[in-house]
């Protein structure tokens, strides 16, 4: 038994030593970050978000706290050296709750995607080249095509955008996404800027990971028609997060982001409403 324990411990030291060598190499030589080594692998992620939403209109105010937990399957179908990537997300089970008036209730938020599939093809800049799926998702009450909105959102926030060159600790890069969403009788425009900063490399749960800081800015403007009345919207938001990307296996290991969003809606008749949201969200790989 003692010999068996020594063998197990020695194996653990060997693996740890190998990871340390890789870590030193990454720190010295850098690496080209890519999803290429995960092509064809089905990866299961568990994500969660906690939200505080506040809505004000005339003499009415509404404050809601909610949480959503979901399990989705992610697979990279192709990733080339030019930075193009194609991937598919199969949306799994969702658990959603909301707190109103001090009472916890179950909610249908996010459950419209259960069982849905989204395939996205992006170019090197992260722009959507093509997408398919989300067959049961249509227009929402504001007249926005939710399928188009979800596809664009996942293209921006559901994937990490990497430079083509070798990166070392201290490297930074950015991506800008001008988005125009269709409504039944109008448009909503978004300008999203994502800034990445490679803080370094470290071992996280026996995985050699790139530790990346993200800073995100969002600007929104648009117009449309709800209940036969024209409305205008304007808002801005910011987010800050941290990513641990598994360098060897070419996949996200875990990430977290804190968000703060503020929007204003005005109608032609002069009515005005404001909306703010604070969100904490996280992702972690649960199975590969």
Protein backbone atom coordinates (compact mmCIF):
# COMPACT_ATOMS: atom_id res chain seq x y z
CA UNK A 1 0.00 0.00 0.00
CA UNK A 2 2.81 2.41 0.93
CA UNK A 3 4.51 1.75 -2.44
CA UNK A 4 1.20 2.35 -4.24
CA UNK A 5 0.75 5.71 -2.46
CA UNK A 6 4.31 6.75 -3.37
CA UNK A 7 3.62 5.94 -7.04
CA UNK A 8 0.42 8.03 -7.03
CA UNK A 9 2.14 10.97 -5.34
CA UNK A 10 5.10 10.74 -7.71
CA UNK A 11 2.73 10.74 -10.71
CA UNK A 12 1.07 13.87 -9.36
CA UNK A 13 4.45 15.56 -9.00
CA UNK A 14 5.38 14.53 -12.55
CA UNK A 15 2.20 16.06 -14.00
CA UNK A 16 2.65 19.19 -11.94
CA UNK A 17 6.27 19.47 -13.07
CA UNK A 18 5.24 19.11 -16.71
CA UNK A 19 2.70 21.88 -16.29
CA UNK A 20 5.31 24.09 -14.67
CA UNK A 21 7.65 23.58 -17.61
CA UNK A 22 4.85 24.48 -20.00
CA UNK A 23 4.01 27.52 -17.89
CA UNK A 24 7.61 28.75 -18.01
CA UNK A 25 7.66 28.26 -21.78
CA UNK A 26 4.43 30.20 -22.20
CA UNK A 27 5.74 33.05 -20.09
CA UNK A 28 8.99 33.21 -22.03
CA UNK A 29 7.93 32.53 -25.61
CA UNK A 30 4.24 33.38 -25.55
CA UNK A 31 1.63 31.53 -27.59
CA UNK A 32 -0.88 31.91 -30.42
CA UNK A 33 -4.24 31.63 -28.66
CA UNK A 34 -6.78 29.64 -30.63
CA UNK A 35 -9.79 27.32 -30.41
CA UNK A 36 -8.20 25.01 -33.04
CA UNK A 37 -7.26 22.20 -30.61
CA UNK A 38 -10.86 21.85 -29.45
CA UNK A 39 -12.37 21.34 -32.93
CA UNK A 40 -14.90 18.50 -32.84
CA UNK A 41 -15.03 18.26 -29.04
CA UNK A 42 -18.38 18.69 -27.29
CA UNK A 43 -17.85 20.82 -24.22
CA UNK A 44 -20.50 21.35 -21.57
CA UNK A 45 -20.67 24.69 -19.75
CA UNK A 46 -22.64 25.70 -16.73
CA UNK A 47 -23.43 29.41 -16.62
CA UNK A 48 -25.18 31.54 -14.04
CA UNK A 49 -26.27 35.15 -13.82
CA UNK A 50 -27.60 37.26 -10.95
CA UNK A 51 -29.49 40.37 -12.01
CA UNK A 52 -30.86 43.45 -10.29
CA UNK A 53 -33.22 45.40 -12.55
CA UNK A 54 -34.82 48.75 -11.73
CA UNK A 55 -37.51 50.38 -13.84
CA UNK A 56 -38.95 53.89 -13.38
CA UNK A 57 -41.92 55.43 -15.18
CA UNK A 58 -43.90 58.45 -13.99
CA UNK A 59 -44.81 57.72 -10.36
CA UNK A 60 -44.17 54.00 -10.68
CA UNK A 61 -41.00 52.13 -9.83
CA UNK A 62 -40.22 48.44 -10.01
CA UNK A 63 -37.22 46.60 -8.64
CA UNK A 64 -36.62 42.95 -9.49
CA UNK A 65 -33.83 40.57 -8.56
CA UNK A 66 -33.48 37.40 -10.59
CA UNK A 67 -31.10 34.53 -11.22
CA UNK A 68 -30.68 32.18 -14.16
CA UNK A 69 -28.64 28.98 -14.31
CA UNK A 70 -28.25 27.02 -17.53
CA UNK A 71 -26.24 24.13 -18.97
CA UNK A 72 -25.29 24.33 -22.66
CA UNK A 73 -23.18 22.23 -25.03
CA UNK A 74 -20.58 24.05 -27.11
CA UNK A 75 -18.64 22.64 -30.07
CA UNK A 76 -16.15 24.29 -32.40
CA UNK A 77 -16.70 22.89 -35.90
CA UNK A 78 -13.76 24.64 -37.55
CA UNK A 79 -11.08 27.20 -36.65
CA UNK A 80 -8.40 28.14 -39.17
CA UNK A 81 -5.08 30.00 -38.94
CA UNK A 82 -6.68 33.11 -40.46
CA UNK A 83 -8.91 33.51 -37.41
CA UNK A 84 -12.19 32.31 -38.94
CA UNK A 85 -14.28 30.13 -36.66
CA UNK A 86 -17.51 28.18 -36.86
CA UNK A 87 -19.21 26.79 -33.77
CA UNK A 88 -22.52 25.36 -32.59
CA UNK A 89 -24.32 25.86 -29.29
CA UNK A 90 -27.04 23.47 -28.11
CA UNK A 91 -29.01 25.23 -25.39
CA UNK A 92 -29.82 22.96 -22.47
CA UNK A 93 -31.96 23.07 -19.34
CA UNK A 94 -32.56 26.38 -17.57
CA UNK A 95 -33.44 27.13 -13.96
CA UNK A 96 -34.74 30.64 -13.41
CA UNK A 97 -36.04 32.43 -10.32
CA UNK A 98 -37.18 35.95 -9.54
CA UNK A 99 -37.58 37.84 -6.26
CA UNK A 100 -40.47 40.30 -6.13
CA UNK A 101 -41.74 41.82 -2.91
CA UNK A 102 -39.45 39.59 -0.88
CA UNK A 103 -40.93 36.42 -2.39
CA UNK A 104 -38.94 33.93 -4.50
CA UNK A 105 -40.83 32.66 -7.55
CA UNK A 106 -39.93 30.45 -10.47
CA UNK A 107 -39.61 32.28 -13.78
CA UNK A 108 -39.78 31.47 -17.49
CA UNK A 109 -36.87 33.79 -18.29
CA UNK A 110 -34.39 32.13 -20.65
CA UNK A 111 -36.45 28.97 -21.02
CA UNK A 112 -37.47 29.89 -24.55
CA UNK A 113 -34.03 28.67 -25.66
CA UNK A 114 -34.25 25.20 -24.10
CA UNK A 115 -33.67 22.63 -26.82
CA UNK A 116 -32.72 25.28 -29.38
CA UNK A 117 -29.58 25.17 -31.52
CA UNK A 118 -27.45 28.04 -32.83
CA UNK A 119 -24.66 27.73 -35.40
CA UNK A 120 -22.44 30.75 -35.98
CA UNK A 121 -19.69 31.47 -38.47
CA UNK A 122 -17.41 34.41 -37.62
CA UNK A 123 -14.52 36.08 -39.42
CA UNK A 124 -11.19 37.03 -37.84
CA UNK A 125 -12.64 40.27 -36.47
CA UNK A 126 -15.51 38.44 -34.79
CA UNK A 127 -18.14 39.68 -37.25
CA UNK A 128 -21.02 37.34 -38.13
CA UNK A 129 -20.59 35.84 -41.59
CA UNK A 130 -23.57 33.51 -41.29
CA UNK A 131 -25.83 31.98 -38.68
CA UNK A 132 -28.64 29.42 -38.53
CA UNK A 133 -30.95 27.84 -35.98
CA UNK A 134 -33.23 29.34 -33.28
CA UNK A 135 -36.20 28.21 -35.34
CA UNK A 136 -38.83 28.89 -32.66
CA UNK A 137 -37.58 32.39 -31.76
CA UNK A 138 -39.36 35.33 -33.39
CA UNK A 139 -40.02 39.02 -32.76
CA UNK A 140 -40.50 40.33 -29.23
CA UNK A 141 -42.98 42.96 -28.02
CA UNK A 142 -40.64 45.79 -29.05
CA UNK A 143 -40.56 44.39 -32.57
CA UNK A 144 -36.94 43.23 -32.35
CA UNK A 145 -35.96 40.03 -34.13
CA UNK A 146 -34.81 38.02 -31.11
CA UNK A 147 -33.10 35.37 -33.24
CA UNK A 148 -30.90 38.01 -34.84
CA UNK A 149 -30.28 39.63 -31.44
CA UNK A 150 -29.28 36.34 -29.76
CA UNK A 151 -26.98 35.41 -32.64
CA UNK A 152 -25.19 38.77 -32.48
CA UNK A 153 -25.01 38.67 -28.70
CA UNK A 154 -23.47 35.20 -28.65
CA UNK A 155 -21.01 36.17 -31.40
CA UNK A 156 -19.78 39.03 -29.22
CA UNK A 157 -20.04 37.71 -25.67
CA UNK A 158 -20.12 33.92 -26.07
CA UNK A 159 -16.70 33.64 -27.67
CA UNK A 160 -13.23 35.08 -27.07
CA UNK A 161 -11.70 37.01 -29.96
CA UNK A 162 -7.98 36.40 -30.35
CA UNK A 163 -5.25 38.16 -32.35
CA UNK A 164 -3.47 36.08 -35.00
CA UNK A 165 0.01 36.79 -33.64
CA UNK A 166 1.89 35.28 -30.71
CA UNK A 167 0.99 37.01 -27.43
CA UNK A 168 2.98 37.36 -24.23
CA UNK A 169 1.99 38.71 -20.80
CA UNK A 170 1.15 42.41 -21.10
CA UNK A 171 -0.30 42.10 -24.61
CA UNK A 172 -3.56 43.89 -25.33
CA UNK A 173 -5.96 43.92 -28.25
CA UNK A 174 -9.50 45.05 -28.99
CA UNK A 175 -12.54 44.41 -31.16
CA UNK A 176 -15.33 46.82 -32.11
CA UNK A 177 -18.79 45.64 -33.13
CA UNK A 178 -21.26 48.01 -34.79
CA UNK A 179 -24.59 46.14 -34.70
CA UNK A 180 -27.87 47.10 -36.37
CA UNK A 181 -30.89 45.08 -35.25
CA UNK A 182 -34.14 44.95 -37.19
CA UNK A 183 -37.51 45.75 -35.65
CA UNK A 184 -40.92 45.50 -37.28
CA UNK A 185 -41.04 49.26 -37.75
CA UNK A 186 -37.60 50.60 -36.87
CA UNK A 187 -34.03 49.76 -35.92
CA UNK A 188 -31.82 49.49 -32.86
CA UNK A 189 -28.12 50.26 -33.24
CA UNK A 190 -25.41 49.10 -30.87
CA UNK A 191 -21.74 49.94 -30.71
CA UNK A 192 -19.79 47.48 -28.56
CA UNK A 193 -16.10 47.71 -27.80
CA UNK A 194 -14.23 44.83 -26.17
CA UNK A 195 -10.71 45.36 -24.84
CA UNK A 196 -8.55 42.40 -23.86
CA UNK A 197 -5.43 42.40 -21.68
CA UNK A 198 -3.29 39.28 -21.16
CA UNK A 199 -2.33 39.38 -17.50
CA UNK A 200 -0.23 36.24 -17.72
CA UNK A 201 -0.29 32.45 -17.64
CA UNK A 202 -1.06 30.26 -14.65
CA UNK A 203 -2.11 26.76 -13.65
CA UNK A 204 -5.80 26.64 -12.82
CA UNK A 205 -7.07 23.26 -11.58
CA UNK A 206 -4.19 21.52 -13.37
CA UNK A 207 -4.87 23.41 -16.61
CA UNK A 208 -2.33 25.75 -18.21
CA UNK A 209 -4.46 28.85 -18.71
CA UNK A 210 -4.09 32.30 -20.20
CA UNK A 211 -5.49 34.78 -17.68
CA UNK A 212 -7.18 37.58 -19.63
CA UNK A 213 -8.86 40.72 -18.36
CA UNK A 214 -11.72 42.19 -20.40
CA UNK A 215 -13.26 45.67 -20.39
CA UNK A 216 -16.42 46.24 -22.40
CA UNK A 217 -18.28 49.39 -23.43
CA UNK A 218 -21.79 49.41 -24.91
CA UNK A 219 -23.70 52.25 -26.59
CA UNK A 220 -27.29 51.77 -27.75
CA UNK A 221 -29.69 53.95 -29.74
CA UNK A 222 -32.79 53.17 -31.72
CA UNK A 223 -36.45 53.63 -32.45
CA UNK A 224 -39.53 51.56 -33.15
CA UNK A 225 -43.25 51.28 -32.58
CA UNK A 226 -45.05 49.62 -29.67
CA UNK A 227 -48.87 49.69 -29.40
CA UNK A 228 -49.04 52.07 -32.38
CA UNK A 229 -46.80 54.65 -30.70
CA UNK A 230 -43.28 55.51 -31.77
CA UNK A 231 -40.53 55.25 -29.18
CA UNK A 232 -36.85 56.23 -29.01
CA UNK A 233 -34.23 54.55 -26.87
CA UNK A 234 -30.73 55.49 -25.79
CA UNK A 235 -28.36 53.89 -23.34
CA UNK A 236 -24.90 52.85 -22.35
CA UNK A 237 -23.24 50.13 -20.36
CA UNK A 238 -19.90 48.83 -19.20
CA UNK A 239 -18.56 45.51 -18.08
CA UNK A 240 -15.38 44.14 -16.58
CA UNK A 241 -14.42 40.50 -16.45
CA UNK A 242 -11.76 37.85 -16.22
CA UNK A 243 -11.19 34.83 -18.46
CA UNK A 244 -9.17 31.66 -17.97
CA UNK A 245 -8.54 30.08 -21.37
CA UNK A 246 -7.13 26.53 -21.47
CA UNK A 247 -4.16 26.93 -23.81
CA UNK A 248 -3.49 23.23 -24.44
CA UNK A 249 -7.09 22.20 -25.06
CA UNK A 250 -8.14 25.34 -26.92
CA UNK A 251 -11.22 26.16 -24.88
CA UNK A 252 -12.61 28.48 -22.26
CA UNK A 253 -12.19 27.00 -18.80
CA UNK A 254 -13.97 29.63 -16.73
CA UNK A 255 -14.91 33.30 -16.81
CA UNK A 256 -16.80 35.96 -14.87
CA UNK A 257 -18.13 39.42 -15.76
CA UNK A 258 -19.80 42.25 -13.85
CA UNK A 259 -22.15 44.50 -15.82
CA UNK A 260 -23.81 47.87 -15.32
CA UNK A 261 -26.36 49.03 -17.92
CA UNK A 262 -28.53 52.18 -18.08
CA UNK A 263 -31.20 52.92 -20.70
CA UNK A 264 -33.82 55.56 -21.35
CA UNK A 265 -36.99 55.19 -23.45
CA UNK A 266 -39.06 58.13 -24.71
CA UNK A 267 -42.27 58.16 -26.71
CA UNK A 268 -43.60 60.79 -29.12
CA UNK A 269 -46.32 61.66 -26.61
CA UNK A 270 -43.65 62.66 -24.08
CA UNK A 271 -43.72 59.65 -21.79
CA UNK A 272 -40.35 58.66 -20.38
CA UNK A 273 -39.03 55.57 -18.65
CA UNK A 274 -35.59 54.61 -17.39
CA UNK A 275 -34.16 51.15 -16.94
CA UNK A 276 -30.99 50.05 -15.18
CA UNK A 277 -29.48 46.64 -14.63
CA UNK A 278 -26.60 45.23 -12.62
CA UNK A 279 -25.51 41.74 -13.58
CA UNK A 280 -22.93 39.27 -12.32
CA UNK A 281 -22.41 36.30 -14.61
CA UNK A 282 -20.04 33.35 -14.71
CA UNK A 283 -19.21 30.37 -16.93
CA UNK A 284 -17.34 27.18 -16.07
CA UNK A 285 -16.49 24.05 -18.04
CA UNK A 286 -18.14 21.04 -16.44
CA UNK A 287 -17.46 18.26 -18.94
CA UNK A 288 -15.41 17.75 -22.06
